[in-house]
Amino acid sequence: MQLELFDYRRDCLFETENQIAHYYDILKETNDSISYSEHIDPKKGFAICDMDYEEYVDFKKDKLGELTYDQILSYLKNTKKESRLEKYKALLKFRNIPFDADLFTWSS
């Protein structure tokens, strides 16, 4: 599913929910960056200290070179979810695209 907010794209690559949590992966762009993130939003009673989790990879569009948002989206869609994040980082390293990556947690 693709949403266009303020002329920027946001694509959901994966989404599921079970009795423990809501899981979803998002590729999105802003004015100057592209971000891929994998989210886990635990349901009440299942979170460790009521924490939500987001693991992300961000980079600036001006470092993109020949790579396009659509190519990144296609690459991510065609990569198994279990290895998507690490393979995406490897692609960016191979293309010499500097990026920030981290695991972000917050209290819900």
PDB file of N, CA and C in Angstrom:
ATOM      1  N   MET A   1       0.844  -1.172   0.000  1.00  0.00           N
ATOM      2  CA  MET A   1       0.000   0.000   0.000  1.00  0.00           C
ATOM      3  C   MET A   1       0.889   1.234   0.000  1.00  0.00           C
ATOM      4  N   GLN A   2       0.575   2.188  -0.841  1.00  0.00           N
ATOM      5  CA  GLN A   2       1.365   3.414  -0.923  1.00  0.00           C
ATOM      6  C   GLN A   2       0.492   4.612  -0.564  1.00  0.00           C
ATOM      7  N   LEU A   3       1.035   5.466   0.265  1.00  0.00           N
ATOM      8  CA  LEU A   3       0.377   6.718   0.604  1.00  0.00           C
ATOM      9  C   LEU A   3       1.255   7.846   0.122  1.00  0.00           C
ATOM     10  N   GLU A   4       0.672   8.891  -0.389  1.00  0.00           N
ATOM     11  CA  GLU A   4       1.439  10.067  -0.761  1.00  0.00           C
ATOM     12  C   GLU A   4       0.996  11.207   0.134  1.00  0.00           C
ATOM     13  N   LEU A   5       1.882  11.634   1.001  1.00  0.00           N
ATOM     14  CA  LEU A   5       1.607  12.712   1.935  1.00  0.00           C
ATOM     15  C   LEU A   5       2.469  13.905   1.559  1.00  0.00           C
ATOM     16  N   PHE A   6       1.849  15.020   1.244  1.00  0.00           N
ATOM     17  CA  PHE A   6       2.578  16.235   0.913  1.00  0.00           C
ATOM     18  C   PHE A   6       3.593  15.978  -0.192  1.00  0.00           C
ATOM     19  N   ASP A   7       3.204  15.215  -1.200  1.00  0.00           N
ATOM     20  CA  ASP A   7       4.041  14.873  -2.348  1.00  0.00           C
ATOM     21  C   ASP A   7       5.217  13.965  -2.003  1.00  0.00           C
ATOM     22  N   TYR A   8       5.204  13.352  -0.830  1.00  0.00           N
ATOM     23  CA  TYR A   8       6.239  12.385  -0.454  1.00  0.00           C
ATOM     24  C   TYR A   8       5.599  11.017  -0.341  1.00  0.00           C
ATOM     25  N   ARG A   9       6.388  10.001  -0.585  1.00  0.00           N
ATOM     26  CA  ARG A   9       5.846   8.634  -0.597  1.00  0.00           C
ATOM     27  C   ARG A   9       6.070   7.932   0.722  1.00  0.00           C
ATOM     28  N   ARG A  10       5.171   6.973   0.969  1.00  0.00           N
ATOM     29  CA  ARG A  10       5.257   6.108   2.153  1.00  0.00           C
ATOM     30  C   ARG A  10       4.660   4.775   1.751  1.00  0.00           C
ATOM     31  N   ASP A  11       5.484   3.717   1.764  1.00  0.00           N
ATOM     32  CA  ASP A  11       5.038   2.392   1.363  1.00  0.00           C
ATOM     33  C   ASP A  11       5.166   1.419   2.526  1.00  0.00           C
ATOM     34  N   CYS A  12       4.092   0.690   2.771  1.00  0.00           N
ATOM     35  CA  CYS A  12       4.105  -0.359   3.786  1.00  0.00           C
ATOM     36  C   CYS A  12       4.502  -1.660   3.094  1.00  0.00           C
ATOM     37  N   LEU A  13       5.623  -2.263   3.514  1.00  0.00           N
ATOM     38  CA  LEU A  13       6.114  -3.481   2.890  1.00  0.00           C
ATOM     39  C   LEU A  13       5.653  -4.737   3.621  1.00  0.00           C
ATOM     40  N   PHE A  14       5.254  -4.580   4.859  1.00  0.00           N
ATOM     41  CA  PHE A  14       4.843  -5.729   5.659  1.00  0.00           C
ATOM     42  C   PHE A  14       3.974  -5.223   6.795  1.00  0.00           C
ATOM     43  N   GLU A  15       2.918  -5.979   7.100  1.00  0.00           N
ATOM     44  CA  GLU A  15       2.097  -5.637   8.254  1.00  0.00           C
ATOM     45  C   GLU A  15       1.356  -6.880   8.706  1.00  0.00           C
ATOM     46  N   THR A  16       1.425  -7.126   9.997  1.00  0.00           N
ATOM     47  CA  THR A  16       0.690  -8.231  10.593  1.00  0.00           C
ATOM     48  C   THR A  16       0.449  -7.913  12.062  1.00  0.00           C
ATOM     49  N   GLU A  17      -0.441  -8.667  12.627  1.00  0.00           N
ATOM     50  CA  GLU A  17      -0.777  -8.458  14.031  1.00  0.00           C
ATOM     51  C   GLU A  17      -1.127  -9.809  14.636  1.00  0.00           C
ATOM     52  N   ASN A  18      -0.760  -9.998  15.881  1.00  0.00           N
ATOM     53  CA  ASN A  18      -1.182 -11.180  16.619  1.00  0.00           C
ATOM     54  C   ASN A  18      -1.565 -10.757  18.028  1.00  0.00           C
ATOM     55  N   GLN A  19      -1.743 -11.695  18.924  1.00  0.00           N
ATOM     56  CA  GLN A  19      -2.172 -11.361  20.282  1.00  0.00           C
ATOM     57  C   GLN A  19      -1.097 -10.622  21.069  1.00  0.00           C
ATOM     58  N   ILE A  20       0.138 -10.640  20.597  1.00  0.00           N
ATOM     59  CA  ILE A  20       1.247 -10.020  21.322  1.00  0.00           C
ATOM     60  C   ILE A  20       1.558  -8.612  20.821  1.00  0.00           C
ATOM     61  N   ALA A  21       1.551  -8.409  19.483  1.00  0.00           N
ATOM     62  CA  ALA A  21       2.011  -7.112  18.953  1.00  0.00           C
ATOM     63  C   ALA A  21       1.482  -6.845  17.546  1.00  0.00           C
ATOM     64  N   HIS A  22       1.667  -5.588  17.123  1.00  0.00           N
ATOM     65  CA  HIS A  22       1.432  -5.138  15.755  1.00  0.00           C
ATOM     66  C   HIS A  22       2.821  -4.941  15.140  1.00  0.00           C
ATOM     67  N   TYR A  23       3.082  -5.577  13.997  1.00  0.00           N
ATOM     68  CA  TYR A  23       4.381  -5.525  13.331  1.00  0.00           C
ATOM     69  C   TYR A  23       4.195  -4.879  11.962  1.00  0.00           C
ATOM     70  N   TYR A  24       5.083  -3.958  11.593  1.00  0.00           N
ATOM     71  CA  TYR A  24       4.991  -3.359  10.266  1.00  0.00           C
ATOM     72  C   TYR A  24       6.330  -2.765   9.850  1.00  0.00           C
ATOM     73  N   ASP A  25       6.564  -2.774   8.530  1.00  0.00           N
ATOM     74  CA  ASP A  25       7.791  -2.257   7.924  1.00  0.00           C
ATOM     75  C   ASP A  25       7.408  -1.174   6.925  1.00  0.00           C
ATOM     76  N   ILE A  26       8.118  -0.042   6.967  1.00  0.00           N
ATOM     77  CA  ILE A  26       7.769   1.126   6.173  1.00  0.00           C
ATOM     78  C   ILE A  26       9.000   1.668   5.434  1.00  0.00           C
ATOM     79  N   LEU A  27       8.815   1.991   4.157  1.00  0.00           N
ATOM     80  CA  LEU A  27       9.789   2.774   3.400  1.00  0.00           C
ATOM     81  C   LEU A  27       9.121   4.113   3.144  1.00  0.00           C
ATOM     82  N   LYS A  28       9.805   5.211   3.473  1.00  0.00           N
ATOM     83  CA  LYS A  28       9.198   6.528   3.270  1.00  0.00           C
ATOM     84  C   LYS A  28      10.262   7.541   2.893  1.00  0.00           C
ATOM     85  N   GLU A  29       9.783   8.620   2.309  1.00  0.00           N
ATOM     86  CA  GLU A  29      10.684   9.709   1.972  1.00  0.00           C
ATOM     87  C   GLU A  29      10.164  11.008   2.579  1.00  0.00           C
ATOM     88  N   THR A  30      11.092  11.903   2.801  1.00  0.00           N
ATOM     89  CA  THR A  30      10.777  13.272   3.201  1.00  0.00           C
ATOM     90  C   THR A  30      11.418  14.179   2.169  1.00  0.00           C
ATOM     91  N   ASN A  31      11.422  15.434   2.442  1.00  0.00           N
ATOM     92  CA  ASN A  31      12.026  16.402   1.528  1.00  0.00           C
ATOM     93  C   ASN A  31      13.479  16.059   1.204  1.00  0.00           C
ATOM     94  N   ASP A  32      14.231  15.608   2.209  1.00  0.00           N
ATOM     95  CA  ASP A  32      15.662  15.401   1.988  1.00  0.00           C
ATOM     96  C   ASP A  32      16.191  14.019   2.364  1.00  0.00           C
ATOM     97  N   SER A  33      15.303  13.079   2.754  1.00  0.00           N
ATOM     98  CA  SER A  33      15.821  11.774   3.158  1.00  0.00           C
ATOM     99  C   SER A  33      14.882  10.637   2.768  1.00  0.00           C
ATOM    100  N   ILE A  34      15.437   9.426   2.816  1.00  0.00           N
ATOM    101  CA  ILE A  34      14.671   8.194   2.637  1.00  0.00           C
ATOM    102  C   ILE A  34      14.950   7.335   3.862  1.00  0.00           C
ATOM    103  N   SER A  35      13.893   6.723   4.378  1.00  0.00           N
ATOM    104  CA  SER A  35      14.009   5.948   5.598  1.00  0.00           C
ATOM    105  C   SER A  35      13.277   4.616   5.448  1.00  0.00           C
ATOM    106  N   TYR A  36      13.935   3.552   5.905  1.00  0.00           N
ATOM    107  CA  TYR A  36      13.294   2.240   6.001  1.00  0.00           C
ATOM    108  C   TYR A  36      13.281   1.876   7.476  1.00  0.00           C
ATOM    109  N   SER A  37      12.126   1.426   7.965  1.00  0.00           N
ATOM    110  CA  SER A  37      12.042   1.079   9.380  1.00  0.00           C
ATOM    111  C   SER A  37      11.167  -0.145   9.589  1.00  0.00           C
ATOM    112  N   GLU A  38      11.546  -0.937  10.596  1.00  0.00           N
ATOM    113  CA  GLU A  38      10.788  -2.104  11.011  1.00  0.00           C
ATOM    114  C   GLU A  38      10.290  -1.840  12.422  1.00  0.00           C
ATOM    115  N   HIS A  39       8.981  -1.946  12.615  1.00  0.00           N
ATOM    116  CA  HIS A  39       8.352  -1.574  13.879  1.00  0.00           C
ATOM    117  C   HIS A  39       7.751  -2.781  14.586  1.00  0.00           C
ATOM    118  N   ILE A  40       7.808  -2.753  15.912  1.00  0.00           N
ATOM    119  CA  ILE A  40       7.073  -3.685  16.762  1.00  0.00           C
ATOM    120  C   ILE A  40       6.384  -2.849  17.822  1.00  0.00           C
ATOM    121  N   ASP A  41       5.053  -2.893  17.809  1.00  0.00           N
ATOM    122  CA  ASP A  41       4.265  -2.191  18.811  1.00  0.00           C
ATOM    123  C   ASP A  41       3.559  -3.241  19.663  1.00  0.00           C
ATOM    124  N   PRO A  42       4.162  -3.615  20.807  1.00  0.00           N
ATOM    125  CA  PRO A  42       3.554  -4.640  21.660  1.00  0.00           C
ATOM    126  C   PRO A  42       2.197  -4.182  22.206  1.00  0.00           C
ATOM    127  N   LYS A  43       1.328  -5.147  22.383  1.00  0.00           N
ATOM    128  CA  LYS A  43       0.025  -4.849  22.971  1.00  0.00           C
ATOM    129  C   LYS A  43       0.168  -4.763  24.486  1.00  0.00           C
ATOM    130  N   LYS A  44      -0.763  -4.107  25.091  1.00  0.00           N
ATOM    131  CA  LYS A  44      -0.737  -3.899  26.537  1.00  0.00           C
ATOM    132  C   LYS A  44      -0.564  -5.240  27.261  1.00  0.00           C
ATOM    133  N   GLY A  45       0.347  -5.247  28.189  1.00  0.00           N
ATOM    134  CA  GLY A  45       0.614  -6.457  28.954  1.00  0.00           C
ATOM    135  C   GLY A  45       1.711  -7.334  28.378  1.00  0.00           C
ATOM    136  N   PHE A  46       2.146  -7.049  27.133  1.00  0.00           N
ATOM    137  CA  PHE A  46       3.185  -7.863  26.501  1.00  0.00           C
ATOM    138  C   PHE A  46       4.498  -7.103  26.317  1.00  0.00           C
ATOM    139  N   ALA A  47       4.477  -5.805  26.502  1.00  0.00           N
ATOM    140  CA  ALA A  47       5.678  -5.003  26.305  1.00  0.00           C
ATOM    141  C   ALA A  47       6.596  -5.096  27.512  1.00  0.00           C
ATOM    142  N   ILE A  48       7.876  -5.057  27.249  1.00  0.00           N
ATOM    143  CA  ILE A  48       8.859  -4.966  28.317  1.00  0.00           C
ATOM    144  C   ILE A  48       8.920  -3.501  28.710  1.00  0.00           C
ATOM    145  N   CYS A  49       8.497  -3.193  29.900  1.00  0.00           N
ATOM    146  CA  CYS A  49       8.457  -1.814  30.401  1.00  0.00           C
ATOM    147  C   CYS A  49       7.619  -0.907  29.503  1.00  0.00           C
ATOM    148  N   ASP A  50       6.578  -1.459  28.889  1.00  0.00           N
ATOM    149  CA  ASP A  50       5.697  -0.692  28.000  1.00  0.00           C
ATOM    150  C   ASP A  50       6.460   0.006  26.878  1.00  0.00           C
ATOM    151  N   MET A  51       7.437  -0.672  26.278  1.00  0.00           N
ATOM    152  CA  MET A  51       8.264  -0.077  25.231  1.00  0.00           C
ATOM    153  C   MET A  51       7.790  -0.510  23.840  1.00  0.00           C
ATOM    154  N   ASP A  52       7.864   0.418  22.882  1.00  0.00           N
ATOM    155  CA  ASP A  52       7.680   0.141  21.465  1.00  0.00           C
ATOM    156  C   ASP A  52       9.079   0.145  20.835  1.00  0.00           C
ATOM    157  N   TYR A  53       9.213  -0.535  19.682  1.00  0.00           N
ATOM    158  CA  TYR A  53      10.533  -0.703  19.080  1.00  0.00           C
ATOM    159  C   TYR A  53      10.498  -0.329  17.603  1.00  0.00           C
ATOM    160  N   GLU A  54      11.550   0.362  17.159  1.00  0.00           N
ATOM    161  CA  GLU A  54      11.708   0.705  15.751  1.00  0.00           C
ATOM    162  C   GLU A  54      13.184   0.575  15.400  1.00  0.00           C
ATOM    163  N   GLU A  55      13.468  -0.272  14.432  1.00  0.00           N
ATOM    164  CA  GLU A  55      14.828  -0.363  13.905  1.00  0.00           C
ATOM    165  C   GLU A  55      14.813   0.306  12.542  1.00  0.00           C
ATOM    166  N   TYR A  56      15.730   1.240  12.330  1.00  0.00           N
ATOM    167  CA  TYR A  56      15.639   2.053  11.117  1.00  0.00           C
ATOM    168  C   TYR A  56      16.986   2.226  10.431  1.00  0.00           C
ATOM    169  N   VAL A  57      16.897   2.599   9.143  1.00  0.00           N
ATOM    170  CA  VAL A  57      18.035   2.985   8.315  1.00  0.00           C
ATOM    171  C   VAL A  57      17.606   4.240   7.565  1.00  0.00           C
ATOM    172  N   ASP A  58      18.345   5.336   7.753  1.00  0.00           N
ATOM    173  CA  ASP A  58      18.041   6.616   7.112  1.00  0.00           C
ATOM    174  C   ASP A  58      19.250   7.085   6.314  1.00  0.00           C
ATOM    175  N   PHE A  59      18.986   7.738   5.199  1.00  0.00           N
ATOM    176  CA  PHE A  59      20.076   8.417   4.491  1.00  0.00           C
ATOM    177  C   PHE A  59      19.524   9.630   3.756  1.00  0.00           C
ATOM    178  N   LYS A  60      20.420  10.546   3.437  1.00  0.00           N
ATOM    179  CA  LYS A  60      20.065  11.780   2.740  1.00  0.00           C
ATOM    180  C   LYS A  60      19.935  11.519   1.238  1.00  0.00           C
ATOM    181  N   LYS A  61      18.913  12.098   0.644  1.00  0.00           N
ATOM    182  CA  LYS A  61      18.671  11.903  -0.791  1.00  0.00           C
ATOM    183  C   LYS A  61      19.822  12.401  -1.656  1.00  0.00           C
ATOM    184  N   ASP A  62      20.532  13.413  -1.207  1.00  0.00           N
ATOM    185  CA  ASP A  62      21.621  13.941  -2.034  1.00  0.00           C
ATOM    186  C   ASP A  62      22.790  12.962  -2.146  1.00  0.00           C
ATOM    187  N   LYS A  63      22.768  11.882  -1.371  1.00  0.00           N
ATOM    188  CA  LYS A  63      23.806  10.844  -1.442  1.00  0.00           C
ATOM    189  C   LYS A  63      23.352   9.651  -2.270  1.00  0.00           C
ATOM    190  N   LEU A  64      22.165   9.736  -2.859  1.00  0.00           N
ATOM    191  CA  LEU A  64      21.525   8.625  -3.547  1.00  0.00           C
ATOM    192  C   LEU A  64      22.238   8.169  -4.814  1.00  0.00           C
ATOM    193  N   GLY A  65      22.894   9.082  -5.503  1.00  0.00           N
ATOM    194  CA  GLY A  65      23.541   8.717  -6.758  1.00  0.00           C
ATOM    195  C   GLY A  65      22.507   8.320  -7.793  1.00  0.00           C
ATOM    196  N   GLU A  66      22.741   7.210  -8.475  1.00  0.00           N
ATOM    197  CA  GLU A  66      21.845   6.727  -9.533  1.00  0.00           C
ATOM    198  C   GLU A  66      20.655   5.934  -8.995  1.00  0.00           C
ATOM    199  N   LEU A  67      20.687   5.566  -7.738  1.00  0.00           N
ATOM    200  CA  LEU A  67      19.631   4.764  -7.133  1.00  0.00           C
ATOM    201  C   LEU A  67      18.363   5.600  -6.948  1.00  0.00           C
ATOM    202  N   THR A  68      17.193   5.011  -7.202  1.00  0.00           N
ATOM    203  CA  THR A  68      15.930   5.732  -7.053  1.00  0.00           C
ATOM    204  C   THR A  68      15.091   5.111  -5.940  1.00  0.00           C
ATOM    205  N   TYR A  69      14.115   5.846  -5.489  1.00  0.00           N
ATOM    206  CA  TYR A  69      13.182   5.340  -4.480  1.00  0.00           C
ATOM    207  C   TYR A  69      12.509   4.062  -5.001  1.00  0.00           C
ATOM    208  N   ASP A  70      12.074   4.070  -6.259  1.00  0.00           N
ATOM    209  CA  ASP A  70      11.407   2.896  -6.824  1.00  0.00           C
ATOM    210  C   ASP A  70      12.321   1.672  -6.869  1.00  0.00           C
ATOM    211  N   GLN A  71      13.604   1.876  -7.155  1.00  0.00           N
ATOM    212  CA  GLN A  71      14.547   0.755  -7.153  1.00  0.00           C
ATOM    213  C   GLN A  71      14.724   0.204  -5.736  1.00  0.00           C
ATOM    214  N   ILE A  72      14.808   1.092  -4.762  1.00  0.00           N
ATOM    215  CA  ILE A  72      14.926   0.656  -3.365  1.00  0.00           C
ATOM    216  C   ILE A  72      13.677  -0.114  -2.956  1.00  0.00           C
ATOM    217  N   LEU A  73      12.515   0.419  -3.297  1.00  0.00           N
ATOM    218  CA  LEU A  73      11.257  -0.240  -2.976  1.00  0.00           C
ATOM    219  C   LEU A  73      11.199  -1.639  -3.599  1.00  0.00           C
ATOM    220  N   SER A  74      11.552  -1.748  -4.856  1.00  0.00           N
ATOM    221  CA  SER A  74      11.553  -3.045  -5.536  1.00  0.00           C
ATOM    222  C   SER A  74      12.531  -4.012  -4.871  1.00  0.00           C
ATOM    223  N   TYR A  75      13.727  -3.542  -4.549  1.00  0.00           N
ATOM    224  CA  TYR A  75      14.725  -4.379  -3.888  1.00  0.00           C
ATOM    225  C   TYR A  75      14.188  -4.901  -2.554  1.00  0.00           C
ATOM    226  N   LEU A  76      13.616  -4.023  -1.750  1.00  0.00           N
ATOM    227  CA  LEU A  76      13.100  -4.431  -0.443  1.00  0.00           C
ATOM    228  C   LEU A  76      11.931  -5.405  -0.572  1.00  0.00           C
ATOM    229  N   LYS A  77      11.049  -5.159  -1.528  1.00  0.00           N
ATOM    230  CA  LYS A  77       9.907  -6.061  -1.734  1.00  0.00           C
ATOM    231  C   LYS A  77      10.348  -7.452  -2.152  1.00  0.00           C
ATOM    232  N   ASN A  78      11.470  -7.527  -2.873  1.00  0.00           N
ATOM    233  CA  ASN A  78      11.947  -8.806  -3.387  1.00  0.00           C
ATOM    234  C   ASN A  78      12.968  -9.488  -2.473  1.00  0.00           C
ATOM    235  N   THR A  79      13.142  -8.952  -1.280  1.00  0.00           N
ATOM    236  CA  THR A  79      14.055  -9.538  -0.305  1.00  0.00           C
ATOM    237  C   THR A  79      13.226 -10.119   0.838  1.00  0.00           C
ATOM    238  N   LYS A  80      13.580 -11.317   1.278  1.00  0.00           N
ATOM    239  CA  LYS A  80      12.841 -11.940   2.382  1.00  0.00           C
ATOM    240  C   LYS A  80      12.885 -11.047   3.611  1.00  0.00           C
ATOM    241  N   LYS A  81      11.759 -10.955   4.287  1.00  0.00           N
ATOM    242  CA  LYS A  81      11.647 -10.082   5.441  1.00  0.00           C
ATOM    243  C   LYS A  81      12.720 -10.370   6.487  1.00  0.00           C
ATOM    244  N   GLU A  82      13.005 -11.629   6.724  1.00  0.00           N
ATOM    245  CA  GLU A  82      13.947 -12.021   7.772  1.00  0.00           C
ATOM    246  C   GLU A  82      15.339 -11.435   7.568  1.00  0.00           C
ATOM    247  N   SER A  83      15.719 -11.185   6.322  1.00  0.00           N
ATOM    248  CA  SER A  83      17.064 -10.666   6.041  1.00  0.00           C
ATOM    249  C   SER A  83      17.042  -9.283   5.402  1.00  0.00           C
ATOM    250  N   ARG A  84      15.873  -8.697   5.295  1.00  0.00           N
ATOM    251  CA  ARG A  84      15.701  -7.434   4.556  1.00  0.00           C
ATOM    252  C   ARG A  84      16.573  -6.307   5.098  1.00  0.00           C
ATOM    253  N   LEU A  85      16.555  -6.092   6.385  1.00  0.00           N
ATOM    254  CA  LEU A  85      17.283  -4.974   6.984  1.00  0.00           C
ATOM    255  C   LEU A  85      18.789  -5.089   6.740  1.00  0.00           C
ATOM    256  N   GLU A  86      19.344  -6.254   6.986  1.00  0.00           N
ATOM    257  CA  GLU A  86      20.794  -6.436   6.809  1.00  0.00           C
ATOM    258  C   GLU A  86      21.200  -6.367   5.339  1.00  0.00           C
ATOM    259  N   LYS A  87      20.399  -6.926   4.457  1.00  0.00           N
ATOM    260  CA  LYS A  87      20.718  -6.857   3.024  1.00  0.00           C
ATOM    261  C   LYS A  87      20.597  -5.425   2.501  1.00  0.00           C
ATOM    262  N   TYR A  88      19.654  -4.671   3.038  1.00  0.00           N
ATOM    263  CA  TYR A  88      19.506  -3.268   2.647  1.00  0.00           C
ATOM    264  C   TYR A  88      20.737  -2.466   3.071  1.00  0.00           C
ATOM    265  N   LYS A  89      21.208  -2.688   4.287  1.00  0.00           N
ATOM    266  CA  LYS A  89      22.433  -2.015   4.748  1.00  0.00           C
ATOM    267  C   LYS A  89      23.607  -2.398   3.855  1.00  0.00           C
ATOM    268  N   ALA A  90      23.688  -3.668   3.485  1.00  0.00           N
ATOM    269  CA  ALA A  90      24.783  -4.131   2.616  1.00  0.00           C
ATOM    270  C   ALA A  90      24.708  -3.458   1.241  1.00  0.00           C
ATOM    271  N   LEU A  91      23.505  -3.293   0.699  1.00  0.00           N
ATOM    272  CA  LEU A  91      23.338  -2.603  -0.581  1.00  0.00           C
ATOM    273  C   LEU A  91      23.823  -1.162  -0.489  1.00  0.00           C
ATOM    274  N   LEU A  92      23.440  -0.470   0.577  1.00  0.00           N
ATOM    275  CA  LEU A  92      23.863   0.929   0.739  1.00  0.00           C
ATOM    276  C   LEU A  92      25.380   1.032   0.883  1.00  0.00           C
ATOM    277  N   LYS A  93      25.975   0.110   1.639  1.00  0.00           N
ATOM    278  CA  LYS A  93      27.437   0.100   1.776  1.00  0.00           C
ATOM    279  C   LYS A  93      28.095  -0.152   0.427  1.00  0.00           C
ATOM    280  N   PHE A  94      27.568  -1.110  -0.340  1.00  0.00           N
ATOM    281  CA  PHE A  94      28.112  -1.438  -1.651  1.00  0.00           C
ATOM    282  C   PHE A  94      28.048  -0.227  -2.587  1.00  0.00           C
ATOM    283  N   ARG A  95      26.979   0.554  -2.484  1.00  0.00           N
ATOM    284  CA  ARG A  95      26.793   1.746  -3.311  1.00  0.00           C
ATOM    285  C   ARG A  95      27.484   2.983  -2.728  1.00  0.00           C
ATOM    286  N   ASN A  96      28.202   2.800  -1.614  1.00  0.00           N
ATOM    287  CA  ASN A  96      28.893   3.895  -0.926  1.00  0.00           C
ATOM    288  C   ASN A  96      27.941   5.024  -0.527  1.00  0.00           C
ATOM    289  N   ILE A  97      26.772   4.640  -0.061  1.00  0.00           N
ATOM    290  CA  ILE A  97      25.782   5.607   0.417  1.00  0.00           C
ATOM    291  C   ILE A  97      25.847   5.633   1.938  1.00  0.00           C
ATOM    292  N   PRO A  98      26.299   6.732   2.520  1.00  0.00           N
ATOM    293  CA  PRO A  98      26.369   6.812   3.982  1.00  0.00           C
ATOM    294  C   PRO A  98      24.954   6.823   4.583  1.00  0.00           C
ATOM    295  N   PHE A  99      24.792   6.114   5.692  1.00  0.00           N
ATOM    296  CA  PHE A  99      23.478   6.032   6.316  1.00  0.00           C
ATOM    297  C   PHE A  99      23.609   5.982   7.831  1.00  0.00           C
ATOM    298  N   ASP A 100      22.512   6.303   8.486  1.00  0.00           N
ATOM    299  CA  ASP A 100      22.387   6.150   9.934  1.00  0.00           C
ATOM    300  C   ASP A 100      21.472   4.965  10.173  1.00  0.00           C
ATOM    301  N   ALA A 101      21.826   4.140  11.157  1.00  0.00           N
ATOM    302  CA  ALA A 101      20.995   2.993  11.512  1.00  0.00           C
ATOM    303  C   ALA A 101      21.024   2.830  13.021  1.00  0.00           C
ATOM    304  N   ASP A 102      19.874   2.482  13.578  1.00  0.00           N
ATOM    305  CA  ASP A 102      19.808   2.325  15.030  1.00  0.00           C
ATOM    306  C   ASP A 102      18.534   1.587  15.406  1.00  0.00           C
ATOM    307  N   LEU A 103      18.475   1.177  16.660  1.00  0.00           N
ATOM    308  CA  LEU A 103      17.273   0.617  17.246  1.00  0.00           C
ATOM    309  C   LEU A 103      16.756   1.666  18.211  1.00  0.00           C
ATOM    310  N   PHE A 104      15.526   2.090  18.018  1.00  0.00           N
ATOM    311  CA  PHE A 104      14.932   3.148  18.801  1.00  0.00           C
ATOM    312  C   PHE A 104      13.803   2.557  19.626  1.00  0.00           C
ATOM    313  N   THR A 105      13.785   2.850  20.905  1.00  0.00           N
ATOM    314  CA  THR A 105      12.699   2.381  21.761  1.00  0.00           C
ATOM    315  C   THR A 105      12.070   3.573  22.468  1.00  0.00           C
ATOM    316  N   TRP A 106      10.803   3.457  22.756  1.00  0.00           N
ATOM    317  CA  TRP A 106      10.124   4.515  23.494  1.00  0.00           C
ATOM    318  C   TRP A 106       8.970   3.917  24.287  1.00  0.00           C
ATOM    319  N   SER A 107       8.557   4.629  25.286  1.00  0.00           N
ATOM    320  CA  SER A 107       7.472   4.190  26.145  1.00  0.00           C
ATOM    321  C   SER A 107       6.144   4.613  25.537  1.00  0.00           C
ATOM    322  N   SER A 108       5.220   3.659  25.467  1.00  0.00           N
ATOM    323  CA  SER A 108       3.924   3.971  24.861  1.00  0.00           C
ATOM    324  C   SER A 108       2.882   4.297  25.909  1.00  0.00           C
TER     325      SER A 108
END
